[in-house]
Amino acid sequence: MSLGIKKEDTVHVLTGKYKGKQGRVLSVDKTAGRILIEKINIIKKHMKPNKTYAQGGIIEKEAPIQLSNVMLVCPKCNKPSKIAATVIDGGKKHRSCKKCKEVID
């Protein structure tokens, strides 16, 4: 999945508790097929005191969701759309929006 969703992309959540919300991608785990989105799928975790959390207690953090449950938002038309692979200049592949036909990167 070399042309899928990448870090710093904006994605639209298709299913689950956060359906219809958009967020920025923080990280992508291609082997597990999971994605971490900013302010989406917030969980509460009980933490012991350590160096990073001196007091410990209950913290809120993002949990990963399945990659198939999100769709890339095109930066040109601001709509969620499928990604197409287009070949431009000497055989290099680029991602493009299937709705507006614009090259994403």
C-alpha atoms as a PDB file:
ATOM      1  CA  MET A   1       0.000   0.000   0.000  1.00  0.00           C
ATOM      2  CA  SER A   2       2.556   2.554  -1.087  1.00  0.00           C
ATOM      3  CA  LEU A   3       0.075   5.162  -2.365  1.00  0.00           C
ATOM      4  CA  GLY A   4      -2.380   5.127   0.555  1.00  0.00           C
ATOM      5  CA  ILE A   5      -2.812   7.560   3.388  1.00  0.00           C
ATOM      6  CA  LYS A   6       0.325   9.220   4.737  1.00  0.00           C
ATOM      7  CA  LYS A   7       1.316  11.183   7.839  1.00  0.00           C
ATOM      8  CA  GLU A   8      -0.013  14.794   7.955  1.00  0.00           C
ATOM      9  CA  ASP A   9      -2.939  13.991   5.591  1.00  0.00           C
ATOM     10  CA  THR A  10      -6.481  14.972   6.527  1.00  0.00           C
ATOM     11  CA  VAL A  11      -8.891  12.046   6.703  1.00  0.00           C
ATOM     12  CA  HIS A  12     -12.652  11.578   7.119  1.00  0.00           C
ATOM     13  CA  VAL A  13     -13.918   8.830   9.477  1.00  0.00           C
ATOM     14  CA  LEU A  14     -16.504   6.568   7.792  1.00  0.00           C
ATOM     15  CA  THR A  15     -17.696   4.288  10.612  1.00  0.00           C
ATOM     16  CA  GLY A  16     -17.846   4.028  14.384  1.00  0.00           C
ATOM     17  CA  LYS A  17     -18.336   6.456  17.240  1.00  0.00           C
ATOM     18  CA  TYR A  18     -16.537   9.292  15.438  1.00  0.00           C
ATOM     19  CA  LYS A  19     -18.352   8.861  12.086  1.00  0.00           C
ATOM     20  CA  GLY A  20     -18.341  12.051   9.998  1.00  0.00           C
ATOM     21  CA  LYS A  21     -15.441  13.732  11.818  1.00  0.00           C
ATOM     22  CA  GLN A  22     -12.206  14.830  10.187  1.00  0.00           C
ATOM     23  CA  GLY A  23      -8.705  14.888  11.619  1.00  0.00           C
ATOM     24  CA  ARG A  24      -5.001  15.036  10.836  1.00  0.00           C
ATOM     25  CA  VAL A  25      -3.035  11.777  10.631  1.00  0.00           C
ATOM     26  CA  LEU A  26      -0.399  11.437  13.356  1.00  0.00           C
ATOM     27  CA  SER A  27       1.010   8.039  12.351  1.00  0.00           C
ATOM     28  CA  VAL A  28       0.335   5.084  10.058  1.00  0.00           C
ATOM     29  CA  ASP A  29       1.128   1.441  10.867  1.00  0.00           C
ATOM     30  CA  LYS A  30       1.078  -0.330   7.484  1.00  0.00           C
ATOM     31  CA  THR A  31       1.804  -3.803   8.865  1.00  0.00           C
ATOM     32  CA  ALA A  32      -1.151  -3.749  11.289  1.00  0.00           C
ATOM     33  CA  GLY A  33      -3.319  -1.648   8.951  1.00  0.00           C
ATOM     34  CA  ARG A  34      -4.059   0.916  11.651  1.00  0.00           C
ATOM     35  CA  ILE A  35      -3.938   4.700  11.741  1.00  0.00           C
ATOM     36  CA  LEU A  36      -3.670   7.273  14.550  1.00  0.00           C
ATOM     37  CA  ILE A  37      -5.737  10.447  14.049  1.00  0.00           C
ATOM     38  CA  GLU A  38      -5.527  13.658  16.068  1.00  0.00           C
ATOM     39  CA  LYS A  39      -8.482  14.060  18.520  1.00  0.00           C
ATOM     40  CA  ILE A  40     -10.257  10.941  17.173  1.00  0.00           C
ATOM     41  CA  ASN A  41     -10.904   7.709  19.145  1.00  0.00           C
ATOM     42  CA  ILE A  42      -9.915   9.169  22.525  1.00  0.00           C
ATOM     43  CA  ILE A  43      -9.448   6.584  25.308  1.00  0.00           C
ATOM     44  CA  LYS A  44      -8.716   6.914  29.017  1.00  0.00           C
ATOM     45  CA  LYS A  45      -5.647   5.094  30.280  1.00  0.00           C
ATOM     46  CA  HIS A  46      -4.577   4.553  33.887  1.00  0.00           C
ATOM     47  CA  MET A  47      -0.883   5.411  34.190  1.00  0.00           C
ATOM     48  CA  LYS A  48       1.557   4.777  37.016  1.00  0.00           C
ATOM     49  CA  PRO A  49       3.842   7.691  37.895  1.00  0.00           C
ATOM     50  CA  ASN A  50       6.993   7.689  35.744  1.00  0.00           C
ATOM     51  CA  LYS A  51       9.389  10.175  34.136  1.00  0.00           C
ATOM     52  CA  THR A  52       6.941  11.476  31.531  1.00  0.00           C
ATOM     53  CA  TYR A  53       3.876  11.431  33.841  1.00  0.00           C
ATOM     54  CA  ALA A  54       5.230  12.492  37.236  1.00  0.00           C
ATOM     55  CA  GLN A  55       1.867  12.446  38.992  1.00  0.00           C
ATOM     56  CA  GLY A  56       0.336   9.493  37.135  1.00  0.00           C
ATOM     57  CA  GLY A  57      -3.438   9.025  37.163  1.00  0.00           C
ATOM     58  CA  ILE A  58      -5.952   8.823  34.321  1.00  0.00           C
ATOM     59  CA  ILE A  59      -4.802  10.337  31.018  1.00  0.00           C
ATOM     60  CA  GLU A  60      -6.647  10.708  27.720  1.00  0.00           C
ATOM     61  CA  LYS A  61      -4.911   9.741  24.485  1.00  0.00           C
ATOM     62  CA  GLU A  62      -5.694   8.748  20.902  1.00  0.00           C
ATOM     63  CA  ALA A  63      -6.072   5.083  20.038  1.00  0.00           C
ATOM     64  CA  PRO A  64      -5.493   3.698  16.529  1.00  0.00           C
ATOM     65  CA  ILE A  65      -8.418   2.808  14.259  1.00  0.00           C
ATOM     66  CA  GLN A  66      -8.610   0.532  11.229  1.00  0.00           C
ATOM     67  CA  LEU A  67      -7.231   2.030   8.015  1.00  0.00           C
ATOM     68  CA  SER A  68     -10.265   0.850   6.034  1.00  0.00           C
ATOM     69  CA  ASN A  69     -12.569   3.002   8.197  1.00  0.00           C
ATOM     70  CA  VAL A  70     -11.143   6.309   6.931  1.00  0.00           C
ATOM     71  CA  MET A  71     -11.070   8.093   3.592  1.00  0.00           C
ATOM     72  CA  LEU A  72      -8.607  10.752   2.427  1.00  0.00           C
ATOM     73  CA  VAL A  73      -9.920  14.331   2.164  1.00  0.00           C
ATOM     74  CA  CYS A  74      -8.767  16.019  -1.051  1.00  0.00           C
ATOM     75  CA  PRO A  75      -6.997  19.326  -0.249  1.00  0.00           C
ATOM     76  CA  LYS A  76      -8.285  20.894  -3.487  1.00  0.00           C
ATOM     77  CA  CYS A  77     -12.035  20.106  -3.310  1.00  0.00           C
ATOM     78  CA  ASN A  78     -12.235  19.462   0.500  1.00  0.00           C
ATOM     79  CA  LYS A  79     -14.324  16.309   0.001  1.00  0.00           C
ATOM     80  CA  PRO A  80     -13.541  12.728   1.009  1.00  0.00           C
ATOM     81  CA  SER A  81     -12.574  10.778  -2.081  1.00  0.00           C
ATOM     82  CA  LYS A  82     -10.850   7.647  -3.288  1.00  0.00           C
ATOM     83  CA  ILE A  83      -7.207   7.798  -4.298  1.00  0.00           C
ATOM     84  CA  ALA A  84      -6.024   7.033  -7.816  1.00  0.00           C
ATOM     85  CA  ALA A  85      -2.441   6.379  -8.874  1.00  0.00           C
ATOM     86  CA  THR A  86      -1.430   8.555 -11.830  1.00  0.00           C
ATOM     87  CA  VAL A  87       1.860   8.422 -13.695  1.00  0.00           C
ATOM     88  CA  ILE A  88       3.405  11.830 -14.428  1.00  0.00           C
ATOM     89  CA  ASP A  89       6.849  12.878 -15.775  1.00  0.00           C
ATOM     90  CA  GLY A  90       9.055   9.936 -16.531  1.00  0.00           C
ATOM     91  CA  GLY A  91       7.047   7.189 -14.853  1.00  0.00           C
ATOM     92  CA  LYS A  92       6.850   8.556 -11.285  1.00  0.00           C
ATOM     93  CA  LYS A  93       3.599   7.695  -9.463  1.00  0.00           C
ATOM     94  CA  HIS A  94       1.512  10.354  -7.721  1.00  0.00           C
ATOM     95  CA  ARG A  95      -1.716  10.282  -5.731  1.00  0.00           C
ATOM     96  CA  SER A  96      -4.716  12.009  -7.288  1.00  0.00           C
ATOM     97  CA  CYS A  97      -8.328  12.656  -6.315  1.00  0.00           C
ATOM     98  CA  LYS A  98     -10.918  10.633  -8.221  1.00  0.00           C
ATOM     99  CA  LYS A  99     -13.566  13.385  -7.856  1.00  0.00           C
ATOM    100  CA  CYS A 100     -11.729  16.481  -9.083  1.00  0.00           C
ATOM    101  CA  LYS A 101      -8.852  14.673 -10.934  1.00  0.00           C
ATOM    102  CA  GLU A 102      -6.239  16.911  -9.238  1.00  0.00           C
ATOM    103  CA  VAL A 103      -2.824  15.573  -8.185  1.00  0.00           C
ATOM    104  CA  ILE A 104      -2.518  15.510  -4.385  1.00  0.00           C
ATOM    105  CA  ASP A 105       1.294  15.197  -4.209  1.00  0.00           C
END
